Amino acid sequence: MSVRVGFLGAGFIARYHAMQLRLVAEPSRIVAVYDPVRSRAEEFVAEEGGSVLDDIDSVIEACDAVFVCSWTAAHLDCVRPAAAAGRPLFCEKPLGVDLEGSQEIVDLVEQAGLINIVGLVLRSSPAVQAFRELIQDPLSGRVMNVVFRDDQYIPTQGMYASTWRGDSSLAGSGTLLEHSIHDLDILEWLLGDVVSVSAQQSCFHALDGIEDSVSALFRFASGATGTLSSVWHDVLSRPSQRRVEVFCENALITLEGDLFGPVRYQSTDEELLLDGDDLVGWLESRGVELVTAEQNFLVAVRRSLAGEPVARLAPDVRDALRAHTLVDTVYRSAGSDGALVAVGTADPPHHR
């Protein structure tokens, strides 16, 4: 059974997901695309197939499952009709421009009982999965400290060409929400719950409401501490790049490339370098199955169409809401000149 897929949004990230759909074993075909810029939808269809349709509802009616790849502020308008129609949903991150809007999307999806997954795709990265295996190995000892740097040239230019990311009415805010929500998600996925945050932010590009430099200090429930530096700059030779160092009691584990490594492990008696095919082979030897978010989603949709039960996917909208809660906590601290803010407190949301 080939799953009929519809796309709402036909920009850079939609092209990425379409490419991933071509690579997975699960059969699917793109049948319908809508983008408010029709020429962009036409270019997408010329490369990926399907038909350009005139509105969101027509795409939802034509497909078995929908990918929401519009700018962030439009996500809610895409999710409402998808939920009303009961369509399985792959929604790009962030869910919304602020915590309240993200909560509304979660409520819609959960009330409709939708099969859903969110594009926090670093969890399915081979390098990040190897990193997690090494961190959680008892021989590494307890995690003490993490140093996380995430930098990217500001995506209003270059291959991203997402001019809307310079408009806070469409994007919500800047580098933390639009880019490093990935980082906050995997920080907890790797290291457990964050309990408090102190943060500062800056805006060098003079885009209203779009911060381009954030530094945050975290305390984890385990007692570990860590820092995140998130930067949007103008060094066009540096697209999205991450470097993460996790200091455990008995080992230093370093992630230098967030897709296929390298991942480095150093202890008193051992040094290990995992990169490319060697990294993939190492994961397979440990029984770690490498499955993309797109593959997981398509398998679940096909099973549902065949009347089979479907388990909860991850990361889903509930996982994404947790990442939004962390984003909101960082912004509240930065808005209070670095005051220590506990995660999940009842203070009024302050999304940028």
C-alpha atoms as a PDB file:
ATOM      1  CA  MET A   1       0.000   0.000   0.000  1.00  0.00           C
ATOM      2  CA  SER A   2       1.493   3.319  -1.079  1.00  0.00           C
ATOM      3  CA  VAL A   3       0.736   6.122   1.358  1.00  0.00           C
ATOM      4  CA  ARG A   4      -0.593   9.272  -0.333  1.00  0.00           C
ATOM      5  CA  VAL A   5       1.262  12.260   1.113  1.00  0.00           C
ATOM      6  CA  GLY A   6       0.299  15.929   1.041  1.00  0.00           C
ATOM      7  CA  PHE A   7       2.596  18.868   1.759  1.00  0.00           C
ATOM      8  CA  LEU A   8       1.533  22.178   3.267  1.00  0.00           C
ATOM      9  CA  GLY A   9       4.515  24.374   2.486  1.00  0.00           C
ATOM     10  CA  ALA A  10       7.063  23.786  -0.270  1.00  0.00           C
ATOM     11  CA  GLY A  11      10.226  25.503   0.940  1.00  0.00           C
ATOM     12  CA  PHE A  12      13.635  24.259   2.051  1.00  0.00           C
ATOM     13  CA  ILE A  13      12.441  21.962   4.838  1.00  0.00           C
ATOM     14  CA  ALA A  14       9.674  20.479   2.666  1.00  0.00           C
ATOM     15  CA  ARG A  15      12.339  19.576   0.093  1.00  0.00           C
ATOM     16  CA  TYR A  16      14.360  17.907   2.845  1.00  0.00           C
ATOM     17  CA  HIS A  17      11.431  15.721   3.922  1.00  0.00           C
ATOM     18  CA  ALA A  18      10.569  14.887   0.314  1.00  0.00           C
ATOM     19  CA  MET A  19      14.157  13.713  -0.172  1.00  0.00           C
ATOM     20  CA  GLN A  20      13.894  11.547   2.944  1.00  0.00           C
ATOM     21  CA  LEU A  21      10.659  10.023   1.640  1.00  0.00           C
ATOM     22  CA  ARG A  22      12.500   8.956  -1.519  1.00  0.00           C
ATOM     23  CA  LEU A  23      15.179   7.216   0.565  1.00  0.00           C
ATOM     24  CA  VAL A  24      13.001   5.134   2.897  1.00  0.00           C
ATOM     25  CA  ALA A  25      11.825   1.610   2.139  1.00  0.00           C
ATOM     26  CA  GLU A  26       8.187   2.344   2.966  1.00  0.00           C
ATOM     27  CA  PRO A  27       6.274   3.157  -0.265  1.00  0.00           C
ATOM     28  CA  SER A  28       4.707   6.595  -0.551  1.00  0.00           C
ATOM     29  CA  ARG A  29       3.856   9.129  -3.225  1.00  0.00           C
ATOM     30  CA  ILE A  30       3.364  12.861  -2.987  1.00  0.00           C
ATOM     31  CA  VAL A  31      -0.076  13.639  -4.383  1.00  0.00           C
ATOM     32  CA  ALA A  32      -0.795  17.249  -3.412  1.00  0.00           C
ATOM     33  CA  VAL A  33       1.074  20.423  -2.438  1.00  0.00           C
ATOM     34  CA  TYR A  34      -0.039  23.860  -1.294  1.00  0.00           C
ATOM     35  CA  ASP A  35       2.155  26.893  -0.673  1.00  0.00           C
ATOM     36  CA  PRO A  36       0.989  30.515  -0.441  1.00  0.00           C
ATOM     37  CA  VAL A  37       3.701  31.281  -3.003  1.00  0.00           C
ATOM     38  CA  ARG A  38       2.361  29.248  -5.910  1.00  0.00           C
ATOM     39  CA  SER A  39       5.599  29.320  -7.899  1.00  0.00           C
ATOM     40  CA  ARG A  40       7.357  27.597  -5.022  1.00  0.00           C
ATOM     41  CA  ALA A  41       4.752  24.835  -5.023  1.00  0.00           C
ATOM     42  CA  GLU A  42       5.131  24.480  -8.787  1.00  0.00           C
ATOM     43  CA  GLU A  43       8.910  24.073  -8.464  1.00  0.00           C
ATOM     44  CA  PHE A  44       8.390  21.463  -5.735  1.00  0.00           C
ATOM     45  CA  VAL A  45       5.937  19.457  -7.864  1.00  0.00           C
ATOM     46  CA  ALA A  46       8.238  19.610 -10.899  1.00  0.00           C
ATOM     47  CA  GLU A  47      10.893  17.801  -8.851  1.00  0.00           C
ATOM     48  CA  GLU A  48       8.862  15.638  -6.473  1.00  0.00           C
ATOM     49  CA  GLY A  49       5.576  14.938  -8.266  1.00  0.00           C
ATOM     50  CA  GLY A  50       1.987  15.519  -7.255  1.00  0.00           C
ATOM     51  CA  SER A  51      -0.344  18.385  -8.052  1.00  0.00           C
ATOM     52  CA  VAL A  52      -0.393  22.001  -6.926  1.00  0.00           C
ATOM     53  CA  LEU A  53      -3.681  22.695  -5.151  1.00  0.00           C
ATOM     54  CA  ASP A  54      -5.209  26.031  -4.238  1.00  0.00           C
ATOM     55  CA  ASP A  55      -5.793  25.685  -0.506  1.00  0.00           C
ATOM     56  CA  ILE A  56      -5.011  23.718   2.651  1.00  0.00           C
ATOM     57  CA  ASP A  57      -8.335  21.865   2.775  1.00  0.00           C
ATOM     58  CA  SER A  58      -7.915  20.482  -0.755  1.00  0.00           C
ATOM     59  CA  VAL A  59      -4.515  18.997   0.118  1.00  0.00           C
ATOM     60  CA  ILE A  60      -5.861  17.390   3.275  1.00  0.00           C
ATOM     61  CA  GLU A  61      -8.808  15.906   1.378  1.00  0.00           C
ATOM     62  CA  ALA A  62      -6.486  14.410  -1.273  1.00  0.00           C
ATOM     63  CA  CYS A  63      -3.991  12.670   1.021  1.00  0.00           C
ATOM     64  CA  ASP A  64      -3.661   9.916   3.627  1.00  0.00           C
ATOM     65  CA  ALA A  65      -1.114  11.868   5.674  1.00  0.00           C
ATOM     66  CA  VAL A  66       0.060  15.463   5.752  1.00  0.00           C
ATOM     67  CA  PHE A  67       3.433  17.140   6.263  1.00  0.00           C
ATOM     68  CA  VAL A  68       3.116  20.637   7.750  1.00  0.00           C
ATOM     69  CA  CYS A  69       6.164  22.564   6.500  1.00  0.00           C
ATOM     70  CA  SER A  70       4.831  26.119   6.431  1.00  0.00           C
ATOM     71  CA  TRP A  71       6.321  29.022   8.349  1.00  0.00           C
ATOM     72  CA  THR A  72       5.792  28.637  12.080  1.00  0.00           C
ATOM     73  CA  ALA A  73       2.933  31.110  12.490  1.00  0.00           C
ATOM     74  CA  ALA A  74       0.849  29.139   9.957  1.00  0.00           C
ATOM     75  CA  HIS A  75       1.177  25.766  11.679  1.00  0.00           C
ATOM     76  CA  LEU A  76      -1.991  26.166  13.712  1.00  0.00           C
ATOM     77  CA  ASP A  77      -4.054  26.984  10.609  1.00  0.00           C
ATOM     78  CA  CYS A  78      -2.721  23.801   8.989  1.00  0.00           C
ATOM     79  CA  VAL A  79      -3.230  21.560  12.009  1.00  0.00           C
ATOM     80  CA  ARG A  80      -6.843  22.594  12.679  1.00  0.00           C
ATOM     81  CA  PRO A  81      -8.272  21.130   9.434  1.00  0.00           C
ATOM     82  CA  ALA A  82      -5.917  18.147   9.579  1.00  0.00           C
ATOM     83  CA  ALA A  83      -7.209  17.325  13.046  1.00  0.00           C
ATOM     84  CA  ALA A  84     -10.828  17.837  11.956  1.00  0.00           C
ATOM     85  CA  ALA A  85     -10.256  15.377   9.088  1.00  0.00           C
ATOM     86  CA  GLY A  86      -8.386  12.880  11.267  1.00  0.00           C
ATOM     87  CA  ARG A  87      -5.265  12.977   9.088  1.00  0.00           C
ATOM     88  CA  PRO A  88      -1.967  11.611  10.430  1.00  0.00           C
ATOM     89  CA  LEU A  89       0.356  14.548  10.907  1.00  0.00           C
ATOM     90  CA  PHE A  90       4.074  15.180  10.509  1.00  0.00           C
ATOM     91  CA  CYS A  91       4.523  18.713  11.838  1.00  0.00           C
ATOM     92  CA  GLU A  92       7.745  20.653  11.532  1.00  0.00           C
ATOM     93  CA  LYS A  93       9.278  22.241  14.590  1.00  0.00           C
ATOM     94  CA  PRO A  94       8.664  24.599  16.270  1.00  0.00           C
ATOM     95  CA  LEU A  95       5.005  23.801  16.795  1.00  0.00           C
ATOM     96  CA  GLY A  96       4.083  27.446  17.245  1.00  0.00           C
ATOM     97  CA  VAL A  97       5.454  30.928  17.746  1.00  0.00           C
ATOM     98  CA  ASP A  98       4.896  30.742  21.508  1.00  0.00           C
ATOM     99  CA  LEU A  99       4.006  28.311  24.261  1.00  0.00           C
ATOM    100  CA  GLU A 100       0.285  29.064  24.197  1.00  0.00           C
ATOM    101  CA  GLY A 101      -0.078  28.377  20.489  1.00  0.00           C
ATOM    102  CA  SER A 102       1.972  25.200  20.819  1.00  0.00           C
ATOM    103  CA  GLN A 103      -0.305  23.998  23.612  1.00  0.00           C
ATOM    104  CA  GLU A 104      -3.332  24.593  21.374  1.00  0.00           C
ATOM    105  CA  ILE A 105      -1.788  22.407  18.670  1.00  0.00           C
ATOM    106  CA  VAL A 106      -1.100  19.656  21.205  1.00  0.00           C
ATOM    107  CA  ASP A 107      -4.709  19.812  22.398  1.00  0.00           C
ATOM    108  CA  LEU A 108      -6.068  19.598  18.843  1.00  0.00           C
ATOM    109  CA  VAL A 109      -3.858  16.651  17.922  1.00  0.00           C
ATOM    110  CA  GLU A 110      -4.482  14.692  21.100  1.00  0.00           C
ATOM    111  CA  GLN A 111      -8.237  15.302  21.137  1.00  0.00           C
ATOM    112  CA  ALA A 112      -8.418  14.034  17.544  1.00  0.00           C
ATOM    113  CA  GLY A 113      -6.232  11.031  18.398  1.00  0.00           C
ATOM    114  CA  LEU A 114      -3.951  11.699  15.427  1.00  0.00           C
ATOM    115  CA  ILE A 115      -0.925   9.614  14.563  1.00  0.00           C
ATOM    116  CA  ASN A 116       1.697  12.314  14.797  1.00  0.00           C
ATOM    117  CA  ILE A 117       5.395  13.040  14.856  1.00  0.00           C
ATOM    118  CA  VAL A 118       7.320  16.316  15.045  1.00  0.00           C
ATOM    119  CA  GLY A 119      10.393  17.218  13.016  1.00  0.00           C
ATOM    120  CA  LEU A 120      12.822  17.101  15.946  1.00  0.00           C
ATOM    121  CA  VAL A 121      14.882  14.833  13.730  1.00  0.00           C
ATOM    122  CA  LEU A 122      18.177  14.927  15.630  1.00  0.00           C
ATOM    123  CA  ARG A 123      16.871  12.051  17.747  1.00  0.00           C
ATOM    124  CA  SER A 124      17.100   9.753  14.722  1.00  0.00           C
ATOM    125  CA  SER A 125      20.582  10.919  13.708  1.00  0.00           C
ATOM    126  CA  PRO A 126      23.117   8.043  13.783  1.00  0.00           C
ATOM    127  CA  ALA A 127      25.731  10.285  15.408  1.00  0.00           C
ATOM    128  CA  VAL A 128      23.370  11.453  18.154  1.00  0.00           C
ATOM    129  CA  GLN A 129      22.253   7.871  18.802  1.00  0.00           C
ATOM    130  CA  ALA A 130      25.895   6.741  19.133  1.00  0.00           C
ATOM    131  CA  PHE A 131      26.542   9.714  21.413  1.00  0.00           C
ATOM    132  CA  ARG A 132      23.620   8.647  23.608  1.00  0.00           C
ATOM    133  CA  GLU A 133      24.826   5.028  23.745  1.00  0.00           C
ATOM    134  CA  LEU A 134      28.227   6.132  25.018  1.00  0.00           C
ATOM    135  CA  ILE A 135      26.794   8.601  27.546  1.00  0.00           C
ATOM    136  CA  GLN A 136      24.447   5.976  28.974  1.00  0.00           C
ATOM    137  CA  ASP A 137      27.102   3.249  29.168  1.00  0.00           C
ATOM    138  CA  PRO A 138      27.605   2.549  32.918  1.00  0.00           C
ATOM    139  CA  LEU A 139      31.377   2.521  32.347  1.00  0.00           C
ATOM    140  CA  SER A 140      31.225   6.233  31.502  1.00  0.00           C
ATOM    141  CA  GLY A 141      29.909   7.062  34.971  1.00  0.00           C
ATOM    142  CA  ARG A 142      27.508   9.829  35.850  1.00  0.00           C
ATOM    143  CA  VAL A 143      27.237  12.920  33.662  1.00  0.00           C
ATOM    144  CA  MET A 144      28.860  15.931  35.295  1.00  0.00           C
ATOM    145  CA  ASN A 145      28.820  18.695  32.683  1.00  0.00           C
ATOM    146  CA  VAL A 146      27.859  19.403  29.059  1.00  0.00           C
ATOM    147  CA  VAL A 147      29.202  22.107  26.753  1.00  0.00           C
ATOM    148  CA  PHE A 148      26.950  22.581  23.689  1.00  0.00           C
ATOM    149  CA  ARG A 149      27.673  24.969  20.824  1.00  0.00           C
ATOM    150  CA  ASP A 150      25.268  25.343  17.902  1.00  0.00           C
ATOM    151  CA  ASP A 151      26.055  27.831  15.152  1.00  0.00           C
ATOM    152  CA  GLN A 152      24.529  28.544  11.764  1.00  0.00           C
ATOM    153  CA  TYR A 153      24.642  31.446   9.349  1.00  0.00           C
ATOM    154  CA  ILE A 154      21.410  33.359   9.745  1.00  0.00           C
ATOM    155  CA  PRO A 155      18.964  31.449   7.495  1.00  0.00           C
ATOM    156  CA  THR A 156      17.458  34.490   5.801  1.00  0.00           C
ATOM    157  CA  GLN A 157      20.180  33.984   3.185  1.00  0.00           C
ATOM    158  CA  GLY A 158      22.183  31.319   1.368  1.00  0.00           C
ATOM    159  CA  MET A 159      20.755  27.880   0.665  1.00  0.00           C
ATOM    160  CA  TYR A 160      18.039  28.290   3.317  1.00  0.00           C
ATOM    161  CA  ALA A 161      16.638  31.525   1.834  1.00  0.00           C
ATOM    162  CA  SER A 162      14.000  31.612   4.577  1.00  0.00           C
ATOM    163  CA  THR A 163      13.357  35.339   4.540  1.00  0.00           C
ATOM    164  CA  TRP A 164      10.379  34.748   6.842  1.00  0.00           C
ATOM    165  CA  ARG A 165      12.808  33.752   9.613  1.00  0.00           C
ATOM    166  CA  GLY A 166      13.708  37.428   9.872  1.00  0.00           C
ATOM    167  CA  ASP A 167      10.069  38.338  10.595  1.00  0.00           C
ATOM    168  CA  SER A 168       8.981  37.655  14.176  1.00  0.00           C
ATOM    169  CA  SER A 169       5.291  37.713  13.180  1.00  0.00           C
ATOM    170  CA  LEU A 170       5.962  34.596  11.080  1.00  0.00           C
ATOM    171  CA  ALA A 171       8.822  32.936  12.980  1.00  0.00           C
ATOM    172  CA  GLY A 172       7.975  33.929  16.552  1.00  0.00           C
ATOM    173  CA  SER A 173      11.585  34.661  17.456  1.00  0.00           C
ATOM    174  CA  GLY A 174      15.135  33.778  16.480  1.00  0.00           C
ATOM    175  CA  THR A 175      17.935  31.289  16.865  1.00  0.00           C
ATOM    176  CA  LEU A 176      16.724  29.626  20.059  1.00  0.00           C
ATOM    177  CA  LEU A 177      13.156  28.858  18.961  1.00  0.00           C
ATOM    178  CA  GLU A 178      13.697  28.377  15.241  1.00  0.00           C
ATOM    179  CA  HIS A 179      16.951  26.414  15.426  1.00  0.00           C
ATOM    180  CA  SER A 180      18.058  25.390  18.918  1.00  0.00           C
ATOM    181  CA  ILE A 181      14.723  23.918  19.943  1.00  0.00           C
ATOM    182  CA  HIS A 182      16.438  20.822  18.474  1.00  0.00           C
ATOM    183  CA  ASP A 183      19.222  21.242  21.011  1.00  0.00           C
ATOM    184  CA  LEU A 184      16.920  21.620  23.998  1.00  0.00           C
ATOM    185  CA  ASP A 185      15.029  18.499  22.945  1.00  0.00           C
ATOM    186  CA  ILE A 186      18.134  16.334  22.671  1.00  0.00           C
ATOM    187  CA  LEU A 187      19.731  17.778  25.823  1.00  0.00           C
ATOM    188  CA  GLU A 188      16.909  16.246  27.868  1.00  0.00           C
ATOM    189  CA  TRP A 189      16.785  13.133  25.664  1.00  0.00           C
ATOM    190  CA  LEU A 190      20.482  12.601  26.369  1.00  0.00           C
ATOM    191  CA  LEU A 191      20.813  13.802  29.945  1.00  0.00           C
ATOM    192  CA  GLY A 192      17.393  13.884  31.620  1.00  0.00           C
ATOM    193  CA  ASP A 193      15.217  16.692  32.929  1.00  0.00           C
ATOM    194  CA  VAL A 194      16.394  20.287  33.158  1.00  0.00           C
ATOM    195  CA  VAL A 195      15.170  21.874  36.394  1.00  0.00           C
ATOM    196  CA  SER A 196      16.408  25.485  36.123  1.00  0.00           C
ATOM    197  CA  VAL A 197      17.881  27.937  33.619  1.00  0.00           C
ATOM    198  CA  SER A 198      19.764  31.217  33.601  1.00  0.00           C
ATOM    199  CA  ALA A 199      20.188  32.881  30.206  1.00  0.00           C
ATOM    200  CA  GLN A 200      21.170  35.977  28.235  1.00  0.00           C
ATOM    201  CA  GLN A 201      20.382  36.929  24.634  1.00  0.00           C
ATOM    202  CA  SER A 202      21.482  39.519  22.063  1.00  0.00           C
ATOM    203  CA  CYS A 203      20.386  40.830  18.668  1.00  0.00           C
ATOM    204  CA  PHE A 204      23.196  41.896  16.340  1.00  0.00           C
ATOM    205  CA  HIS A 205      21.247  41.810  13.046  1.00  0.00           C
ATOM    206  CA  ALA A 206      18.758  44.500  14.135  1.00  0.00           C
ATOM    207  CA  LEU A 207      15.746  42.329  13.261  1.00  0.00           C
ATOM    208  CA  ASP A 208      12.892  43.151  15.636  1.00  0.00           C
ATOM    209  CA  GLY A 209      12.175  40.223  17.942  1.00  0.00           C
ATOM    210  CA  ILE A 210      14.778  37.974  16.263  1.00  0.00           C
ATOM    211  CA  GLU A 211      17.585  37.181  18.695  1.00  0.00           C
ATOM    212  CA  ASP A 212      20.772  35.870  17.093  1.00  0.00           C
ATOM    213  CA  SER A 213      22.926  35.000  20.116  1.00  0.00           C
ATOM    214  CA  VAL A 214      21.821  33.098  23.225  1.00  0.00           C
ATOM    215  CA  SER A 215      23.849  31.717  26.111  1.00  0.00           C
ATOM    216  CA  ALA A 216      22.102  29.516  28.683  1.00  0.00           C
ATOM    217  CA  LEU A 217      23.237  27.767  31.855  1.00  0.00           C
ATOM    218  CA  PHE A 218      21.283  24.658  32.866  1.00  0.00           C
ATOM    219  CA  ARG A 219      20.965  22.540  35.981  1.00  0.00           C
ATOM    220  CA  PHE A 220      19.681  19.001  35.461  1.00  0.00           C
ATOM    221  CA  ALA A 221      17.683  16.931  37.927  1.00  0.00           C
ATOM    222  CA  SER A 222      20.652  14.543  38.099  1.00  0.00           C
ATOM    223  CA  GLY A 223      22.857  17.312  39.510  1.00  0.00           C
ATOM    224  CA  ALA A 224      24.742  17.816  36.236  1.00  0.00           C
ATOM    225  CA  THR A 225      25.191  21.314  34.845  1.00  0.00           C
ATOM    226  CA  GLY A 226      25.707  22.552  31.309  1.00  0.00           C
ATOM    227  CA  THR A 227      25.804  25.425  28.858  1.00  0.00           C
ATOM    228  CA  LEU A 228      24.270  26.070  25.452  1.00  0.00           C
ATOM    229  CA  SER A 229      25.555  28.699  23.040  1.00  0.00           C
ATOM    230  CA  SER A 230      23.266  29.284  20.049  1.00  0.00           C
ATOM    231  CA  VAL A 231      24.437  31.714  17.353  1.00  0.00           C
ATOM    232  CA  TRP A 232      23.160  32.981  13.996  1.00  0.00           C
ATOM    233  CA  HIS A 233      26.085  34.708  12.248  1.00  0.00           C
ATOM    234  CA  ASP A 234      27.132  35.706   8.713  1.00  0.00           C
ATOM    235  CA  VAL A 235      29.931  33.219   8.064  1.00  0.00           C
ATOM    236  CA  LEU A 236      28.405  31.669   4.951  1.00  0.00           C
ATOM    237  CA  SER A 237      30.938  28.823   4.905  1.00  0.00           C
ATOM    238  CA  ARG A 238      29.328  27.536   8.127  1.00  0.00           C
ATOM    239  CA  PRO A 239      25.798  26.198   7.683  1.00  0.00           C
ATOM    240  CA  SER A 240      24.240  24.342  10.635  1.00  0.00           C
ATOM    241  CA  GLN A 241      27.037  22.902  12.785  1.00  0.00           C
ATOM    242  CA  ARG A 242      27.060  21.499  16.301  1.00  0.00           C
ATOM    243  CA  ARG A 243      29.767  20.498  18.744  1.00  0.00           C
ATOM    244  CA  VAL A 244      28.826  18.889  22.062  1.00  0.00           C
ATOM    245  CA  GLU A 245      31.181  17.778  24.844  1.00  0.00           C
ATOM    246  CA  VAL A 246      29.810  15.650  27.680  1.00  0.00           C
ATOM    247  CA  PHE A 247      32.078  15.187  30.676  1.00  0.00           C
ATOM    248  CA  CYS A 248      31.203  12.054  32.643  1.00  0.00           C
ATOM    249  CA  GLU A 249      32.978  10.822  35.763  1.00  0.00           C
ATOM    250  CA  ASN A 250      35.081   8.379  33.762  1.00  0.00           C
ATOM    251  CA  ALA A 251      34.965   9.642  30.186  1.00  0.00           C
ATOM    252  CA  LEU A 252      34.841  12.622  27.849  1.00  0.00           C
ATOM    253  CA  ILE A 253      32.441  12.054  24.938  1.00  0.00           C
ATOM    254  CA  THR A 254      32.433  14.538  22.063  1.00  0.00           C
ATOM    255  CA  LEU A 255      30.010  14.964  19.165  1.00  0.00           C
ATOM    256  CA  GLU A 256      31.618  16.858  16.278  1.00  0.00           C
ATOM    257  CA  GLY A 257      29.165  16.160  13.445  1.00  0.00           C
ATOM    258  CA  ASP A 258      25.477  15.717  14.167  1.00  0.00           C
ATOM    259  CA  LEU A 259      24.645  13.277  11.348  1.00  0.00           C
ATOM    260  CA  PHE A 260      27.436  10.708  10.895  1.00  0.00           C
ATOM    261  CA  GLY A 261      29.985  12.021  13.365  1.00  0.00           C
ATOM    262  CA  PRO A 262      32.727  11.934  14.235  1.00  0.00           C
ATOM    263  CA  VAL A 263      31.922  10.922  17.805  1.00  0.00           C
ATOM    264  CA  ARG A 264      34.929  10.597  20.115  1.00  0.00           C
ATOM    265  CA  TYR A 265      35.219   8.703  23.411  1.00  0.00           C
ATOM    266  CA  GLN A 266      38.158   9.139  25.765  1.00  0.00           C
ATOM    267  CA  SER A 267      38.711   7.432  29.124  1.00  0.00           C
ATOM    268  CA  THR A 268      41.824   6.717  31.154  1.00  0.00           C
ATOM    269  CA  ASP A 269      42.506   3.505  29.248  1.00  0.00           C
ATOM    270  CA  GLU A 270      40.629   3.808  25.964  1.00  0.00           C
ATOM    271  CA  GLU A 271      40.108   6.092  22.997  1.00  0.00           C
ATOM    272  CA  LEU A 272      37.414   5.450  20.406  1.00  0.00           C
ATOM    273  CA  LEU A 273      36.622   7.326  17.185  1.00  0.00           C
ATOM    274  CA  LEU A 274      33.324   6.613  15.405  1.00  0.00           C
ATOM    275  CA  ASP A 275      32.773   8.182  12.003  1.00  0.00           C
ATOM    276  CA  GLY A 276      30.672   7.471   8.923  1.00  0.00           C
ATOM    277  CA  ASP A 277      30.229   3.797   8.058  1.00  0.00           C
ATOM    278  CA  ASP A 278      32.201   2.735  11.146  1.00  0.00           C
ATOM    279  CA  LEU A 279      29.742   4.613  13.345  1.00  0.00           C
ATOM    280  CA  VAL A 280      26.765   2.953  11.646  1.00  0.00           C
ATOM    281  CA  GLY A 281      28.372  -0.482  11.969  1.00  0.00           C
ATOM    282  CA  TRP A 282      29.102   0.123  15.653  1.00  0.00           C
ATOM    283  CA  LEU A 283      25.463   0.983  16.310  1.00  0.00           C
ATOM    284  CA  GLU A 284      24.262  -2.099  14.433  1.00  0.00           C
ATOM    285  CA  SER A 285      26.622  -4.273  16.490  1.00  0.00           C
ATOM    286  CA  ARG A 286      24.904  -2.945  19.626  1.00  0.00           C
ATOM    287  CA  GLY A 287      21.434  -3.693  18.261  1.00  0.00           C
ATOM    288  CA  VAL A 288      20.483  -0.051  17.653  1.00  0.00           C
ATOM    289  CA  GLU A 289      18.060   0.141  14.735  1.00  0.00           C
ATOM    290  CA  LEU A 290      18.554   3.172  12.518  1.00  0.00           C
ATOM    291  CA  VAL A 291      15.164   4.431  11.364  1.00  0.00           C
ATOM    292  CA  THR A 292      14.383   7.963  10.225  1.00  0.00           C
ATOM    293  CA  ALA A 293      11.442   9.946  11.536  1.00  0.00           C
ATOM    294  CA  GLU A 294       9.884   9.841   8.064  1.00  0.00           C
ATOM    295  CA  GLN A 295      10.149   6.038   7.947  1.00  0.00           C
ATOM    296  CA  ASN A 296       8.583   5.674  11.389  1.00  0.00           C
ATOM    297  CA  PHE A 297       5.744   7.942  10.354  1.00  0.00           C
ATOM    298  CA  LEU A 298       4.998   6.156   7.087  1.00  0.00           C
ATOM    299  CA  VAL A 299       5.030   2.720   8.747  1.00  0.00           C
ATOM    300  CA  ALA A 300       2.537   3.936  11.349  1.00  0.00           C
ATOM    301  CA  VAL A 301       0.274   5.481   8.696  1.00  0.00           C
ATOM    302  CA  ARG A 302       0.281   2.320   6.572  1.00  0.00           C
ATOM    303  CA  ARG A 303      -0.549   0.145   9.572  1.00  0.00           C
ATOM    304  CA  SER A 304      -3.367   2.467  10.544  1.00  0.00           C
ATOM    305  CA  LEU A 305      -4.781   2.378   7.004  1.00  0.00           C
ATOM    306  CA  ALA A 306      -4.678  -1.430   7.206  1.00  0.00           C
ATOM    307  CA  GLY A 307      -6.622  -1.370  10.475  1.00  0.00           C
ATOM    308  CA  GLU A 308      -3.658  -2.388  12.625  1.00  0.00           C
ATOM    309  CA  PRO A 309      -2.926  -0.881  16.055  1.00  0.00           C
ATOM    310  CA  VAL A 310      -0.266   1.840  16.123  1.00  0.00           C
ATOM    311  CA  ALA A 311       1.969   2.661  19.072  1.00  0.00           C
ATOM    312  CA  ARG A 312       2.802   6.228  20.042  1.00  0.00           C
ATOM    313  CA  LEU A 313       5.539   7.735  17.890  1.00  0.00           C
ATOM    314  CA  ALA A 314       8.382   9.855  19.233  1.00  0.00           C
ATOM    315  CA  PRO A 315       9.082  12.669  19.245  1.00  0.00           C
ATOM    316  CA  ASP A 316       5.403  13.617  19.104  1.00  0.00           C
ATOM    317  CA  VAL A 317       3.580  16.845  19.914  1.00  0.00           C
ATOM    318  CA  ARG A 318       3.807  16.132  23.652  1.00  0.00           C
ATOM    319  CA  ASP A 319       7.601  15.794  23.400  1.00  0.00           C
ATOM    320  CA  ALA A 320       7.711  18.984  21.341  1.00  0.00           C
ATOM    321  CA  LEU A 321       5.660  20.825  23.952  1.00  0.00           C
ATOM    322  CA  ARG A 322       8.295  19.941  26.543  1.00  0.00           C
ATOM    323  CA  ALA A 323      10.966  21.471  24.297  1.00  0.00           C
ATOM    324  CA  HIS A 324       8.781  24.584  23.945  1.00  0.00           C
ATOM    325  CA  THR A 325       8.539  24.772  27.733  1.00  0.00           C
ATOM    326  CA  LEU A 326      12.347  24.836  27.905  1.00  0.00           C
ATOM    327  CA  VAL A 327      12.497  27.499  25.174  1.00  0.00           C
ATOM    328  CA  ASP A 328       9.994  29.606  27.093  1.00  0.00           C
ATOM    329  CA  THR A 329      12.006  29.214  30.298  1.00  0.00           C
ATOM    330  CA  VAL A 330      15.194  30.401  28.543  1.00  0.00           C
ATOM    331  CA  TYR A 331      13.390  33.427  27.111  1.00  0.00           C
ATOM    332  CA  ARG A 332      11.883  34.314  30.496  1.00  0.00           C
ATOM    333  CA  SER A 333      15.310  34.216  32.105  1.00  0.00           C
ATOM    334  CA  ALA A 334      16.889  36.276  29.313  1.00  0.00           C
ATOM    335  CA  GLY A 335      14.013  38.758  29.586  1.00  0.00           C
ATOM    336  CA  SER A 336      14.821  39.113  33.287  1.00  0.00           C
ATOM    337  CA  ASP A 337      18.536  39.805  32.724  1.00  0.00           C
ATOM    338  CA  GLY A 338      19.635  36.256  33.455  1.00  0.00           C
ATOM    339  CA  ALA A 339      17.512  35.578  36.540  1.00  0.00           C
ATOM    340  CA  LEU A 340      17.407  31.912  37.570  1.00  0.00           C
ATOM    341  CA  VAL A 341      14.066  30.459  36.418  1.00  0.00           C
ATOM    342  CA  ALA A 342      12.727  27.038  37.388  1.00  0.00           C
ATOM    343  CA  VAL A 343      11.329  24.973  34.512  1.00  0.00           C
ATOM    344  CA  GLY A 344       7.557  24.640  34.620  1.00  0.00           C
ATOM    345  CA  THR A 345       6.917  27.559  36.975  1.00  0.00           C
ATOM    346  CA  ALA A 346       3.643  29.412  36.699  1.00  0.00           C
ATOM    347  CA  ASP A 347       5.169  32.737  35.687  1.00  0.00           C
ATOM    348  CA  PRO A 348       3.467  34.352  32.655  1.00  0.00           C
ATOM    349  CA  PRO A 349       4.932  33.035  29.387  1.00  0.00           C
ATOM    350  CA  HIS A 350       7.404  35.408  27.751  1.00  0.00           C
ATOM    351  CA  HIS A 351       8.280  33.939  24.391  1.00  0.00           C
ATOM    352  CA  ARG A 352      11.004  36.368  23.307  1.00  0.00           C
END
